[in-house]
Amino acid sequence: MEEVNSIIDSIVPILVQYGLKVLAAVFVLIVGWSVAGWLSKKVRKRAEKSETIDATLTPLLAKVTKILGLTVVVIFVLSMVGIQTASLVAVLGAAGLAIGLAWQGTLADVAAGVMLLIMRPFNVGDAVDIAGVSGTVKEIGLVTTEMDTFDNVAMVLPNSNVWGTNIKNMSVNDIRRLDMVIGFGYNDNIDHAMETIKGVLDEDDRILEEPAPQVAVSELGGSSVNLNVRPWVKKEDYWALKFDLTKRIKERFDEEGINFPFPSRDVYIHNEN
């Protein structure tokens, strides 16, 4: 019994000493986690209100702030429980090398994310076409780029795929050229068809005078004479004008008696008898 009491007497001070350290470390970790999250939200709000910080960098600054805060907290907690941080750095270095070899694809995404943030081929809110996917950029992260398609489907693209493909940004230039191909029958007069289309273009105030719109014969197709119709328009009027012009040209052609030919094929039947 005396031996048990002796063991208990020797263990209790150790438990009290290290138990208090562990409890204190857990408390600091919880508080530090909360503070890091609070700082991240604070940085995000300040960045969103700032006129000098681009909206593209706001999510990244918030994430970096939280990661740095958690790193400081973890190092402080480890020093509280008596773990040497110098040896920890060496262990983390070896672990980082192993992780780097295992996550080569992810690191490629991170490198591509850095290039996207530096080169800025697009910003948050831009209308883009990336790898055949069209939509509005929602967020540019270090690993992925998030966007909503024009029919409101959420898309997440790895940054390596984004940086390694052609990027069309429809939000950079203030004006765009609307390209349309209008065909009419071979029996109709070319000048009449061209003047009819020019009349439709002249009636729409959304079409810019400079650069001047173009109406020209593009090709003699298999069943129609095709005209290239190329007016210039402000980027925000692009789709509305395209839909309206398509409708109005069809209506005006009907009024002028200009035909839209249907594809046709002649079939010859040879009777061998």
Foldseek 3Di string as FASTA:
>chain_A
DVVVVVVCVVVVVVCVVLVVLVVVLVVLLVVLLVVLLVVLVVQLVVLVPDPVHAPQCSNVVSVVSSVVSNVVSVVVSCVSNPHDVVVVVVVVVVVVVVVCVVPVVQVLLLVLLVVCVVVVPDGAQWFKAFPNATFGWHYRDSFWTWGAGPVGDIDIGGSNSRSPTDMGTLPPDFKDKAKDKAWFAPVDDPVVLQVLLVVVVVVDPQFDPVVPWDWAFDDADPGTTIIITITMGTSVCHPVVVVVSVVVSVVSCVVVVIHDDDDDDDDDDDDPD
